[in-house]
């Protein structure tokens, strides 16, 4: 393994033809938004073909299921059990981190 990258979140995912661009962001130590919260700042971009993105998404859905099994996250009321494989942006926001490290 060569280098590791840290990101606080994925800022944006853009599809351009057969290529997906995933922007990794970190929260700025100096820039604040209108609510005085740290602004997300682009750090790096991952560029991959659509089929690679789809395979990656399936792996992330499996990771969500493992986090749920381990009790690290929990579904909000109204979410269907086992729906992580069909995770959408709306569904992803319906998970609550259990660990204080995620607050």
N, C-alpha and C. Protein backbone atom coordinates (compact mmCIF):
# COMPACT_ATOMS: atom_id res chain seq x y z
N UNK A 1 0.84 -1.17 0.00
CA UNK A 1 0.00 0.00 0.00
C UNK A 1 0.89 1.23 0.00
N UNK A 2 0.53 2.22 -0.79
CA UNK A 2 1.36 3.42 -0.88
C UNK A 2 0.85 4.52 0.04
N UNK A 3 -0.12 5.31 -0.39
CA UNK A 3 -0.60 6.44 0.39
C UNK A 3 -2.01 6.21 0.88
N UNK A 4 -2.32 6.84 2.01
CA UNK A 4 -3.69 6.85 2.50
C UNK A 4 -4.24 8.26 2.37
N UNK A 5 -5.54 8.36 2.16
CA UNK A 5 -6.20 9.65 2.05
C UNK A 5 -7.29 9.71 3.10
N UNK A 6 -7.48 10.87 3.66
CA UNK A 6 -8.58 11.07 4.61
C UNK A 6 -9.53 12.10 4.03
N UNK A 7 -10.81 11.84 4.18
CA UNK A 7 -11.85 12.80 3.78
C UNK A 7 -12.95 12.73 4.82
N UNK A 8 -13.55 13.88 5.13
CA UNK A 8 -14.69 13.89 6.04
C UNK A 8 -15.95 13.39 5.36
N UNK A 9 -16.02 13.54 4.04
CA UNK A 9 -17.23 13.15 3.33
C UNK A 9 -17.00 13.16 1.83
N UNK A 10 -17.99 12.67 1.11
CA UNK A 10 -18.04 12.82 -0.34
C UNK A 10 -18.87 14.08 -0.58
N UNK A 11 -18.29 15.03 -1.28
CA UNK A 11 -18.98 16.30 -1.51
C UNK A 11 -19.94 16.24 -2.67
N UNK A 12 -19.53 15.57 -3.73
CA UNK A 12 -20.37 15.51 -4.93
C UNK A 12 -19.96 14.31 -5.77
N UNK A 13 -20.93 13.73 -6.45
CA UNK A 13 -20.68 12.66 -7.41
C UNK A 13 -21.24 13.14 -8.74
N UNK A 14 -20.39 13.15 -9.77
CA UNK A 14 -20.79 13.66 -11.08
C UNK A 14 -20.58 12.58 -12.13
N UNK A 15 -21.58 12.40 -12.97
CA UNK A 15 -21.49 11.45 -14.07
C UNK A 15 -21.31 12.23 -15.36
N UNK A 16 -20.22 11.94 -16.05
CA UNK A 16 -19.95 12.57 -17.34
C UNK A 16 -19.64 11.45 -18.34
N UNK A 17 -20.61 11.13 -19.16
CA UNK A 17 -20.42 10.03 -20.11
C UNK A 17 -20.17 8.73 -19.36
N UNK A 18 -19.10 8.01 -19.70
CA UNK A 18 -18.84 6.73 -19.05
C UNK A 18 -17.95 6.86 -17.80
N UNK A 19 -17.81 8.09 -17.28
CA UNK A 19 -16.89 8.32 -16.16
C UNK A 19 -17.63 8.95 -14.97
N UNK A 20 -17.33 8.45 -13.78
CA UNK A 20 -17.88 9.00 -12.54
C UNK A 20 -16.76 9.72 -11.81
N UNK A 21 -17.05 10.92 -11.35
CA UNK A 21 -16.10 11.70 -10.57
C UNK A 21 -16.66 11.86 -9.16
N UNK A 22 -15.87 11.48 -8.17
CA UNK A 22 -16.28 11.55 -6.77
C UNK A 22 -15.36 12.55 -6.07
N UNK A 23 -15.95 13.65 -5.60
CA UNK A 23 -15.17 14.68 -4.91
C UNK A 23 -15.11 14.38 -3.42
N UNK A 24 -13.89 14.27 -2.91
CA UNK A 24 -13.67 14.07 -1.48
C UNK A 24 -13.45 15.42 -0.82
N UNK A 25 -14.15 15.66 0.28
CA UNK A 25 -14.03 16.94 0.97
C UNK A 25 -13.61 16.73 2.42
N UNK A 26 -12.98 17.76 2.96
CA UNK A 26 -12.65 17.84 4.38
C UNK A 26 -13.15 19.17 4.89
N UNK A 27 -13.48 19.22 6.15
CA UNK A 27 -13.98 20.46 6.72
C UNK A 27 -12.83 21.42 7.00
N UNK A 28 -12.98 22.65 6.56
CA UNK A 28 -11.96 23.67 6.70
C UNK A 28 -11.78 24.08 8.15
N UNK A 29 -10.53 24.30 8.52
CA UNK A 29 -10.24 24.79 9.87
C UNK A 29 -10.46 26.29 9.97
N UNK A 30 -10.49 26.97 8.83
CA UNK A 30 -10.58 28.44 8.85
C UNK A 30 -11.84 29.00 8.20
N UNK A 31 -12.38 28.33 7.17
CA UNK A 31 -13.57 28.84 6.47
C UNK A 31 -14.85 28.35 7.13
N UNK A 32 -15.80 29.27 7.35
CA UNK A 32 -17.08 28.93 7.97
C UNK A 32 -18.23 29.30 7.04
N UNK A 33 -19.35 28.58 7.16
CA UNK A 33 -20.54 28.92 6.38
C UNK A 33 -21.39 29.94 7.15
N UNK A 34 -22.58 30.24 6.63
CA UNK A 34 -23.44 31.24 7.26
C UNK A 34 -23.94 30.82 8.64
N UNK A 35 -23.88 29.53 8.96
CA UNK A 35 -24.29 29.03 10.28
C UNK A 35 -23.08 28.86 11.20
N UNK A 36 -21.93 29.39 10.75
CA UNK A 36 -20.67 29.33 11.49
C UNK A 36 -20.14 27.89 11.64
N UNK A 37 -20.53 27.03 10.71
CA UNK A 37 -20.03 25.66 10.67
C UNK A 37 -18.87 25.59 9.70
N UNK A 38 -17.91 24.69 9.94
CA UNK A 38 -16.79 24.57 9.00
C UNK A 38 -17.29 24.24 7.58
N UNK A 39 -16.74 24.91 6.59
CA UNK A 39 -17.11 24.67 5.19
C UNK A 39 -16.39 23.43 4.66
N UNK A 40 -17.10 22.62 3.86
CA UNK A 40 -16.41 21.52 3.19
C UNK A 40 -15.54 22.06 2.05
N UNK A 41 -14.31 21.57 1.98
CA UNK A 41 -13.36 22.02 0.97
C UNK A 41 -12.90 20.81 0.16
N UNK A 42 -12.93 20.93 -1.17
CA UNK A 42 -12.47 19.84 -2.04
C UNK A 42 -11.00 19.52 -1.74
N UNK A 43 -10.72 18.24 -1.50
CA UNK A 43 -9.35 17.80 -1.24
C UNK A 43 -8.80 16.97 -2.39
N UNK A 44 -9.61 16.05 -2.88
CA UNK A 44 -9.18 15.19 -3.98
C UNK A 44 -10.40 14.71 -4.73
N UNK A 45 -10.15 14.15 -5.91
CA UNK A 45 -11.23 13.61 -6.74
C UNK A 45 -10.84 12.20 -7.17
N UNK A 46 -11.79 11.31 -7.06
CA UNK A 46 -11.63 9.95 -7.57
C UNK A 46 -12.36 9.90 -8.89
N UNK A 47 -11.70 9.40 -9.92
CA UNK A 47 -12.30 9.27 -11.25
C UNK A 47 -12.26 7.80 -11.62
N UNK A 48 -13.44 7.25 -11.98
CA UNK A 48 -13.49 5.83 -12.33
C UNK A 48 -14.58 5.58 -13.36
N UNK A 49 -14.48 4.45 -14.06
CA UNK A 49 -15.54 4.11 -15.02
C UNK A 49 -16.82 3.75 -14.27
N UNK A 50 -17.95 3.86 -14.96
CA UNK A 50 -19.24 3.59 -14.35
C UNK A 50 -19.29 2.19 -13.74
N UNK A 51 -18.79 1.18 -14.45
CA UNK A 51 -18.87 -0.19 -13.91
C UNK A 51 -18.06 -0.32 -12.61
N UNK A 52 -16.94 0.38 -12.50
CA UNK A 52 -16.17 0.38 -11.27
C UNK A 52 -16.93 1.06 -10.14
N UNK A 53 -17.64 2.13 -10.45
CA UNK A 53 -18.46 2.83 -9.47
C UNK A 53 -19.57 1.92 -8.96
N UNK A 54 -20.23 1.22 -9.86
CA UNK A 54 -21.32 0.32 -9.47
C UNK A 54 -20.79 -0.78 -8.55
N UNK A 55 -19.65 -1.37 -8.89
CA UNK A 55 -19.06 -2.40 -8.02
C UNK A 55 -18.70 -1.80 -6.66
N UNK A 56 -18.18 -0.57 -6.65
CA UNK A 56 -17.82 0.09 -5.39
C UNK A 56 -19.06 0.36 -4.55
N UNK A 57 -20.14 0.75 -5.18
CA UNK A 57 -21.39 1.02 -4.47
C UNK A 57 -21.88 -0.24 -3.77
N UNK A 58 -21.78 -1.37 -4.44
CA UNK A 58 -22.21 -2.64 -3.85
C UNK A 58 -21.36 -2.95 -2.61
N UNK A 59 -20.07 -2.67 -2.67
CA UNK A 59 -19.21 -2.89 -1.50
C UNK A 59 -19.57 -1.95 -0.36
N UNK A 60 -19.90 -0.72 -0.68
CA UNK A 60 -20.30 0.24 0.37
C UNK A 60 -21.62 -0.19 1.01
N UNK A 61 -22.55 -0.71 0.22
CA UNK A 61 -23.81 -1.20 0.76
C UNK A 61 -23.56 -2.35 1.74
N UNK A 62 -22.61 -3.23 1.41
CA UNK A 62 -22.24 -4.32 2.31
C UNK A 62 -21.64 -3.76 3.60
N UNK A 63 -20.82 -2.72 3.49
CA UNK A 63 -20.22 -2.10 4.67
C UNK A 63 -21.31 -1.50 5.56
N UNK A 64 -22.33 -0.87 4.96
CA UNK A 64 -23.45 -0.31 5.72
C UNK A 64 -24.15 -1.42 6.50
N UNK A 65 -24.38 -2.56 5.85
CA UNK A 65 -25.03 -3.68 6.52
C UNK A 65 -24.19 -4.18 7.68
N UNK A 66 -22.86 -4.23 7.52
CA UNK A 66 -21.98 -4.68 8.61
C UNK A 66 -22.01 -3.68 9.77
N UNK A 67 -21.99 -2.37 9.46
CA UNK A 67 -22.05 -1.36 10.51
C UNK A 67 -23.37 -1.46 11.28
N UNK A 68 -24.42 -1.75 10.56
CA UNK A 68 -25.73 -1.91 11.19
C UNK A 68 -25.74 -3.14 12.10
N UNK A 69 -25.19 -4.25 11.62
CA UNK A 69 -25.11 -5.48 12.42
C UNK A 69 -24.30 -5.28 13.69
N UNK A 70 -23.22 -4.50 13.57
CA UNK A 70 -22.34 -4.26 14.72
C UNK A 70 -22.90 -3.21 15.67
N UNK A 71 -24.01 -2.58 15.29
CA UNK A 71 -24.62 -1.58 16.16
C UNK A 71 -23.97 -0.21 16.08
N UNK A 72 -23.12 0.01 15.09
CA UNK A 72 -22.46 1.31 14.94
C UNK A 72 -23.44 2.35 14.41
N UNK A 73 -24.36 1.91 13.53
CA UNK A 73 -25.41 2.78 13.02
C UNK A 73 -26.74 2.08 13.21
N UNK A 74 -27.82 2.84 13.18
CA UNK A 74 -29.14 2.24 13.27
C UNK A 74 -30.07 2.95 12.30
N UNK A 75 -31.01 2.21 11.75
CA UNK A 75 -32.00 2.77 10.82
C UNK A 75 -32.99 3.64 11.58
N UNK A 76 -33.47 4.66 10.92
CA UNK A 76 -34.53 5.50 11.49
C UNK A 76 -35.86 4.76 11.34
N UNK A 77 -36.82 5.05 12.20
CA UNK A 77 -38.13 4.39 12.07
C UNK A 77 -38.71 4.61 10.67
N UNK A 78 -39.31 3.56 10.13
CA UNK A 78 -39.93 3.65 8.80
C UNK A 78 -39.06 3.09 7.69
N UNK A 79 -37.76 2.89 7.95
CA UNK A 79 -36.89 2.29 6.93
C UNK A 79 -37.12 0.79 6.89
N UNK A 80 -37.13 0.23 5.70
CA UNK A 80 -37.30 -1.20 5.54
C UNK A 80 -36.02 -1.93 5.93
N UNK A 81 -36.11 -3.02 6.73
CA UNK A 81 -34.92 -3.78 7.06
C UNK A 81 -34.30 -4.37 5.81
N UNK A 82 -32.99 -4.43 5.77
CA UNK A 82 -32.29 -5.00 4.63
C UNK A 82 -32.28 -4.13 3.39
N UNK A 83 -32.69 -2.89 3.50
CA UNK A 83 -32.76 -2.01 2.33
C UNK A 83 -31.42 -1.38 1.99
N UNK A 84 -30.39 -1.69 2.76
CA UNK A 84 -29.09 -1.07 2.51
C UNK A 84 -28.57 -1.37 1.11
N UNK A 85 -28.92 -2.51 0.55
CA UNK A 85 -28.44 -2.82 -0.79
C UNK A 85 -29.06 -1.89 -1.83
N UNK A 86 -30.21 -1.29 -1.50
CA UNK A 86 -30.85 -0.34 -2.39
C UNK A 86 -30.70 1.08 -1.87
N UNK A 87 -29.61 1.35 -1.19
CA UNK A 87 -29.38 2.65 -0.54
C UNK A 87 -29.43 3.79 -1.54
N UNK A 88 -30.20 4.80 -1.21
CA UNK A 88 -30.28 6.02 -2.01
C UNK A 88 -29.81 7.17 -1.15
N UNK A 89 -29.56 8.36 -1.73
CA UNK A 89 -29.14 9.49 -0.90
C UNK A 89 -30.14 9.78 0.22
N UNK A 90 -31.43 9.65 -0.06
CA UNK A 90 -32.43 9.90 0.98
C UNK A 90 -32.33 8.86 2.08
N UNK A 91 -32.13 7.59 1.70
CA UNK A 91 -32.01 6.52 2.68
C UNK A 91 -30.75 6.67 3.49
N UNK A 92 -29.65 7.07 2.86
CA UNK A 92 -28.38 7.19 3.57
C UNK A 92 -28.49 8.18 4.72
N UNK A 93 -29.30 9.21 4.57
CA UNK A 93 -29.44 10.20 5.63
C UNK A 93 -30.35 9.69 6.74
N UNK A 94 -30.97 8.52 6.56
CA UNK A 94 -31.85 7.95 7.58
C UNK A 94 -31.12 7.06 8.56
N UNK A 95 -29.80 7.02 8.50
CA UNK A 95 -29.03 6.23 9.45
C UNK A 95 -28.52 7.15 10.53
N UNK A 96 -28.55 6.67 11.76
CA UNK A 96 -28.06 7.44 12.89
C UNK A 96 -26.81 6.78 13.43
N UNK A 97 -25.67 7.49 13.44
CA UNK A 97 -24.47 6.91 14.05
C UNK A 97 -24.69 6.71 15.55
N UNK A 98 -24.24 5.59 16.07
CA UNK A 98 -24.36 5.28 17.49
C UNK A 98 -23.13 5.78 18.21
N UNK A 99 -21.98 5.65 17.60
CA UNK A 99 -20.71 6.02 18.23
C UNK A 99 -20.61 7.53 18.42
N UNK A 100 -20.08 7.98 19.57
CA UNK A 100 -19.87 9.42 19.77
C UNK A 100 -18.82 9.98 18.81
N UNK A 101 -18.05 9.10 18.17
CA UNK A 101 -17.05 9.55 17.19
C UNK A 101 -17.70 10.12 15.95
N UNK A 102 -18.99 9.84 15.73
CA UNK A 102 -19.67 10.30 14.53
C UNK A 102 -20.54 11.52 14.80
N UNK A 103 -20.50 12.08 16.00
CA UNK A 103 -21.35 13.23 16.32
C UNK A 103 -20.63 14.52 16.17
